[in-house]
Every structure is written in C-alpha cells, then in structure tokens.
Amino acid sequence: MNKGVLYVASNKTFYLEEAVFSAKSFKKYNKNIPITIYTNLKEADNYKVFDQVIFDYEDLHPFLYKTKALNSFPYQKTLFVDSDTMFKGSVYELFPLLDNFDLAIAKRIHADWNPPIKFIKYEDPFQFNTGVFSYNDSQNTRDFFKKWLEEVIRENELHNYYHLTGDQVCFNHLLIHNEMDKHCNMKIVTIPNRIYNARHMFGELKKDNLLNEVKIWHQHGLNKSIFNKIKDKLFYKFK
C-alpha cells in the first residue's frame, strides 16, 4: 500500500486503549488513510478503527518491540505515532515530504530533565524524539532501522536498563556518533515539534499563543475521562 499509519502496542491493554483513542482522532481529520497496529494483544482485533492488525506474539520489552515493529514496513510511506498521542488536525503533508527524504522527524524539547522538568526552548539542537515520524520504504531506511534494532538489542544485553536508554537514546546515539553515515545514506528532514509532536511544552505554547497550531499532542492520559472533560478547553480554545 502507498501510505498509512502505524501504531505499536504490546504487553498491556493500556497501550492498546491509548492507540484506539489516538487512531480515532487521526481518522477524524485524515480521511481515507489506512491504519495498521502491530501488537501481541489479541484484543486488537475487536477495534474496527484499525484497517490491518499485524500480530507478533513475542514477549519483548516495549522499546525493543517497537523497534522490531518498525522493521515491518507495512506501507511505502508510513507515519509512525506512539500510542499516547492525539490528533487535532490533518497531517497529509507529512507524506509528500518522503518524496525527497527518507525520514521526517521532530526534535525533542530542550529541557532540564531533572524532576520537575524545566523547559529551556522548543528544540534540542541535537536530540530527536522518536514518538512521531514519517518514513519511506527505501533501502536507506531499512538499513538504518535494522541498525537501530541491533543497537537496542545490544543495549539490553549490555545493561538491561531500558528506563535509562530506550529506543530514542539508541536512535540518537547512532546519529551523534555518525553511525548512520557508515551504514546507510538516509536523508532526514526536521519537522517542528510544536506542531507535530507537542510534548512537555503546554505552558510555553499557551504563553506564546501557539496552542491552536498543534496538530499532534503527545502525552500519556489523553484518552482518560478527566481529559475527555477538559481537553477541549485546555488544548484548543486559547486564542
């Protein structure tokens, strides 16, 4: 298939419920684009919001399961989104970018990550966030995603502390150490995180009068009843 969306949910129905909520919000604003979920949860078959379910029953840590799923390439052009997301606009424009690039991805915010998180500026100059990105099915991308999976496996075998490393740290490690250039020629374009991956920046977006520009929110809890009651007021009605 030419283009579509990929979710990954493993081990806990919590992630599946988040993905269902996110997928419904995607379809509200983005018509006629199929959605695939890659999962080891049999309950996924119960939700018609997914056009395709890829079952992989291997019991892996979610970070490892995610990078394995990304090596499945269900579409020629894929938008991957973490389950804890919510769409508030169309994102068709993320697919044509892949005519000239292999990967379109946003930076993570620049912050002091010692709790409580302290915002510094919208974009970290060096670090990408792997919760939202579009990618094409090219040999360049396949080579890099394979290397990314190998890096996550290696980190687990060496340290077994995913809470400190995770798939995102492994992804950025490959880029920072120029490993990407050694293994493929993947072309990357940066997309603005304040539009396509708004995470840990609500206060700044409100202050800068940018809340209405957000198309993809990214945080846990968006599918919970408390958010259902207040999210419209919180996220969309500031002018």
Protein backbone atom coordinates (compact mmCIF):
# COMPACT_ATOMS: atom_id res chain seq x y z
CA MET A 1 0.00 0.00 0.00
CA ASN A 2 1.14 3.53 -0.75
CA LYS A 3 0.71 5.27 2.61
CA GLY A 4 -0.69 4.68 6.07
CA VAL A 5 -0.24 5.00 9.82
CA LEU A 6 1.47 2.56 12.18
CA TYR A 7 0.80 2.10 15.89
CA VAL A 8 2.57 -0.35 18.19
CA ALA A 9 1.01 -1.76 21.36
CA SER A 10 2.45 -4.62 23.36
CA ASN A 11 2.03 -6.42 26.68
CA LYS A 12 -0.53 -4.09 28.31
CA THR A 13 -4.06 -3.22 27.19
CA PHE A 14 -3.29 0.29 28.50
CA TYR A 15 -1.23 0.93 25.36
CA LEU A 16 -3.90 -0.55 23.11
CA GLU A 17 -6.57 1.69 24.63
CA GLU A 18 -4.34 4.71 24.03
CA ALA A 19 -3.78 3.64 20.43
CA VAL A 20 -7.51 3.23 19.81
CA PHE A 21 -8.16 6.75 21.11
CA SER A 22 -5.34 8.21 19.01
CA ALA A 23 -6.41 6.34 15.88
CA LYS A 24 -9.97 7.66 16.20
CA SER A 25 -8.65 11.20 16.49
CA PHE A 26 -6.47 10.62 13.42
CA LYS A 27 -9.40 9.43 11.31
CA LYS A 28 -11.45 12.45 12.33
CA TYR A 29 -9.06 14.77 10.50
CA ASN A 30 -7.37 12.47 7.98
CA LYS A 31 -9.76 10.62 5.73
CA ASN A 32 -9.01 7.60 3.54
CA ILE A 33 -5.62 6.81 5.09
CA PRO A 34 -5.41 3.25 6.49
CA ILE A 35 -4.15 2.44 9.96
CA THR A 36 -2.11 -0.61 10.98
CA ILE A 37 -1.40 -1.74 14.52
CA TYR A 38 1.49 -4.10 15.31
CA THR A 39 0.72 -5.91 18.54
CA ASN A 40 0.82 -9.02 20.69
CA LEU A 41 -2.59 -8.25 22.19
CA LYS A 42 -5.43 -10.39 20.82
CA GLU A 43 -7.97 -7.73 21.81
CA ALA A 44 -6.78 -5.52 18.96
CA ASP A 45 -9.00 -7.48 16.59
CA ASN A 46 -12.03 -6.06 18.38
CA TYR A 47 -11.40 -2.50 17.21
CA LYS A 48 -12.53 -1.57 13.70
CA VAL A 49 -10.56 1.67 13.75
CA PHE A 50 -7.57 -0.42 12.66
CA ASP A 51 -7.62 -1.42 8.99
CA GLN A 52 -4.89 -4.00 9.49
CA VAL A 53 -3.64 -5.87 12.55
CA ILE A 54 -0.19 -7.44 12.48
CA PHE A 55 0.13 -9.96 15.29
CA ASP A 56 3.56 -10.74 16.69
CA TYR A 57 3.18 -12.63 19.94
CA GLU A 58 6.81 -12.40 21.03
CA ASP A 59 7.05 -11.09 24.58
CA LEU A 60 9.57 -8.26 24.45
CA HIS A 61 10.17 -5.04 26.33
CA PRO A 62 8.04 -2.30 24.68
CA PHE A 63 11.11 -0.39 23.42
CA LEU A 64 12.51 -3.49 21.76
CA TYR A 65 9.08 -4.50 20.46
CA LYS A 66 8.66 -1.02 18.94
CA THR A 67 11.93 -1.11 17.02
CA LYS A 68 11.16 -4.62 15.82
CA ALA A 69 7.73 -3.45 14.61
CA LEU A 70 9.29 -0.57 12.69
CA ASN A 71 11.19 -3.12 10.63
CA SER A 72 7.89 -4.47 9.27
CA PHE A 73 7.28 -1.63 6.73
CA PRO A 74 3.51 -2.03 6.18
CA TYR A 75 3.38 0.89 3.70
CA GLN A 76 5.61 2.59 1.16
CA LYS A 77 5.16 5.79 3.18
CA THR A 78 4.38 5.38 6.88
CA LEU A 79 3.51 7.77 9.67
CA PHE A 80 4.50 6.19 12.97
CA VAL A 81 2.97 7.60 16.15
CA ASP A 82 3.29 6.46 19.75
CA SER A 83 0.05 5.29 21.31
CA ASP A 84 -0.08 8.24 23.74
CA THR A 85 -0.93 10.81 21.08
CA MET A 86 -3.94 12.80 19.92
CA PHE A 87 -4.56 14.47 16.55
CA LYS A 88 -6.10 17.90 16.24
CA GLY A 89 -5.64 18.48 12.50
CA SER A 90 -4.78 16.93 9.18
CA VAL A 91 -1.21 15.77 8.62
CA TYR A 92 -1.37 14.80 4.94
CA GLU A 93 1.66 17.00 4.34
CA LEU A 94 3.95 14.58 6.20
CA PHE A 95 3.66 12.02 3.40
CA PRO A 96 4.80 14.10 0.36
CA LEU A 97 7.97 15.00 2.30
CA LEU A 98 9.02 11.41 1.73
CA ASP A 99 9.33 12.02 -1.99
CA ASN A 100 12.63 13.74 -1.21
CA PHE A 101 13.52 12.44 2.24
CA ASP A 102 13.66 9.05 3.94
CA LEU A 103 12.60 10.32 7.36
CA ALA A 104 10.67 13.35 8.65
CA ILE A 105 11.04 13.73 12.41
CA ALA A 106 10.85 16.38 15.14
CA LYS A 107 13.44 17.28 17.74
CA ARG A 108 12.66 16.72 21.40
CA ILE A 109 12.32 19.80 23.55
CA HIS A 110 15.42 21.32 25.11
CA ALA A 111 14.90 20.98 28.85
CA ASP A 112 16.49 20.33 32.20
CA TRP A 113 15.28 16.78 32.68
CA ASN A 114 15.91 16.60 36.43
CA PRO A 115 12.44 16.47 38.04
CA PRO A 116 10.50 18.65 37.79
CA ILE A 117 11.23 19.12 34.07
CA LYS A 118 12.26 22.70 33.29
CA PHE A 119 11.60 23.98 29.77
CA ILE A 120 14.55 25.76 28.10
CA LYS A 121 13.44 26.11 24.48
CA TYR A 122 11.31 24.27 21.97
CA GLU A 123 14.01 22.26 20.20
CA ASP A 124 17.05 20.41 21.46
CA PRO A 125 19.71 21.11 18.81
CA PHE A 126 20.98 17.53 18.83
CA GLN A 127 18.28 15.13 20.03
CA PHE A 128 15.27 13.80 18.10
CA ASN A 129 12.07 12.45 19.68
CA THR A 130 11.06 9.07 18.25
CA GLY A 131 7.40 9.28 19.23
CA VAL A 132 6.22 10.74 15.91
CA PHE A 133 7.85 10.48 12.50
CA SER A 134 7.13 9.58 8.90
CA TYR A 135 9.43 7.37 6.85
CA ASN A 136 9.60 5.67 3.48
CA ASP A 137 10.29 2.10 2.50
CA SER A 138 13.71 2.63 0.97
CA GLN A 139 16.86 0.59 1.30
CA ASN A 140 18.40 3.50 3.20
CA THR A 141 15.62 3.43 5.79
CA ARG A 142 15.61 -0.36 6.04
CA ASP A 143 19.36 -0.36 6.66
CA PHE A 144 19.09 2.27 9.38
CA PHE A 145 16.09 0.69 11.14
CA LYS A 146 17.89 -2.66 11.15
CA LYS A 147 20.91 -0.99 12.74
CA TRP A 148 18.63 0.77 15.22
CA LEU A 149 17.09 -2.56 16.26
CA GLU A 150 20.54 -4.09 16.67
CA GLU A 151 21.55 -1.15 18.88
CA VAL A 152 18.51 -1.58 21.15
CA ILE A 153 19.21 -5.32 21.46
CA ARG A 154 22.85 -4.62 22.24
CA GLU A 155 21.97 -2.08 24.94
CA ASN A 156 19.62 -4.53 26.58
CA GLU A 157 22.23 -7.28 26.59
CA LEU A 158 24.92 -4.98 27.97
CA HIS A 159 22.95 -3.05 30.57
CA ASN A 160 19.35 -4.26 30.81
CA TYR A 161 18.19 -0.76 31.81
CA TYR A 162 15.75 0.41 29.20
CA HIS A 163 14.39 3.06 31.53
CA LEU A 164 17.70 4.89 31.07
CA THR A 165 18.37 4.13 27.41
CA GLY A 166 15.24 3.22 25.45
CA ASP A 167 14.77 3.26 21.71
CA GLN A 168 15.14 7.05 21.50
CA VAL A 169 18.56 7.16 23.10
CA CYS A 170 19.75 4.36 20.81
CA PHE A 171 18.37 6.23 17.78
CA ASN A 172 20.18 9.44 18.71
CA HIS A 173 23.35 7.57 19.62
CA LEU A 174 23.58 6.28 16.06
CA LEU A 175 23.21 9.78 14.65
CA ILE A 176 25.51 11.58 17.09
CA HIS A 177 28.31 9.09 16.53
CA ASN A 178 27.85 9.22 12.76
CA GLU A 179 26.97 5.55 12.63
CA MET A 180 24.21 6.39 10.17
CA ASP A 181 26.71 7.52 7.57
CA LYS A 182 28.59 4.25 7.87
CA HIS A 183 25.57 2.06 7.31
CA CYS A 184 23.23 4.00 5.01
CA ASN A 185 22.63 7.30 3.30
CA MET A 186 19.30 8.14 4.90
CA LYS A 187 18.09 11.69 4.28
CA ILE A 188 16.37 13.37 7.23
CA VAL A 189 14.19 16.49 7.36
CA THR A 190 13.27 18.09 10.69
CA ILE A 191 9.62 18.95 11.28
CA PRO A 192 8.55 21.41 14.04
CA ASN A 193 7.79 19.64 17.30
CA ARG A 194 5.43 22.41 18.45
CA ILE A 195 3.10 21.38 15.59
CA TYR A 196 3.66 17.64 15.08
CA ASN A 197 4.94 16.38 18.44
CA ALA A 198 3.88 18.74 21.23
CA ARG A 199 5.25 17.20 24.40
CA HIS A 200 6.20 18.85 27.72
CA MET A 201 5.54 22.33 26.28
CA PHE A 202 1.90 23.20 27.02
CA GLY A 203 2.76 26.21 29.21
CA GLU A 204 5.13 27.69 26.65
CA LEU A 205 2.70 27.16 23.78
CA LYS A 206 -0.03 28.88 25.77
CA LYS A 207 2.24 31.79 26.65
CA ASP A 208 3.35 32.17 23.01
CA ASN A 209 -0.24 31.91 21.71
CA LEU A 210 0.61 28.79 19.66
CA LEU A 211 -1.83 26.22 21.06
CA ASN A 212 -4.09 26.37 18.03
CA GLU A 213 -1.19 25.41 15.72
CA VAL A 214 -0.69 22.00 17.34
CA LYS A 215 -1.70 19.05 15.17
CA ILE A 216 -0.33 16.20 17.29
CA TRP A 217 -0.30 16.24 21.09
CA HIS A 218 1.92 13.67 22.80
CA GLN A 219 1.47 12.68 26.44
CA HIS A 220 0.02 9.85 28.49
CA GLY A 221 -3.52 10.22 29.78
CA LEU A 222 -5.12 11.90 26.78
CA ASN A 223 -7.60 9.02 26.49
CA LYS A 224 -8.73 9.19 30.13
CA SER A 225 -12.12 10.51 31.19
CA ILE A 226 -10.67 13.52 33.02
CA PHE A 227 -9.06 14.67 29.77
CA ASN A 228 -12.26 13.99 27.83
CA LYS A 229 -14.00 16.53 30.05
CA ILE A 230 -11.40 19.30 29.94
CA LYS A 231 -9.12 18.76 26.92
CA ASP A 232 -11.11 20.98 24.55
CA LYS A 233 -10.85 23.86 27.00
CA LEU A 234 -7.20 23.15 27.75
CA PHE A 235 -5.82 22.49 24.32
CA TYR A 236 -7.85 24.25 21.68
CA LYS A 237 -9.78 27.30 22.80
CA PHE A 238 -6.96 29.66 23.70
CA LYS A 239 -6.64 32.48 21.15
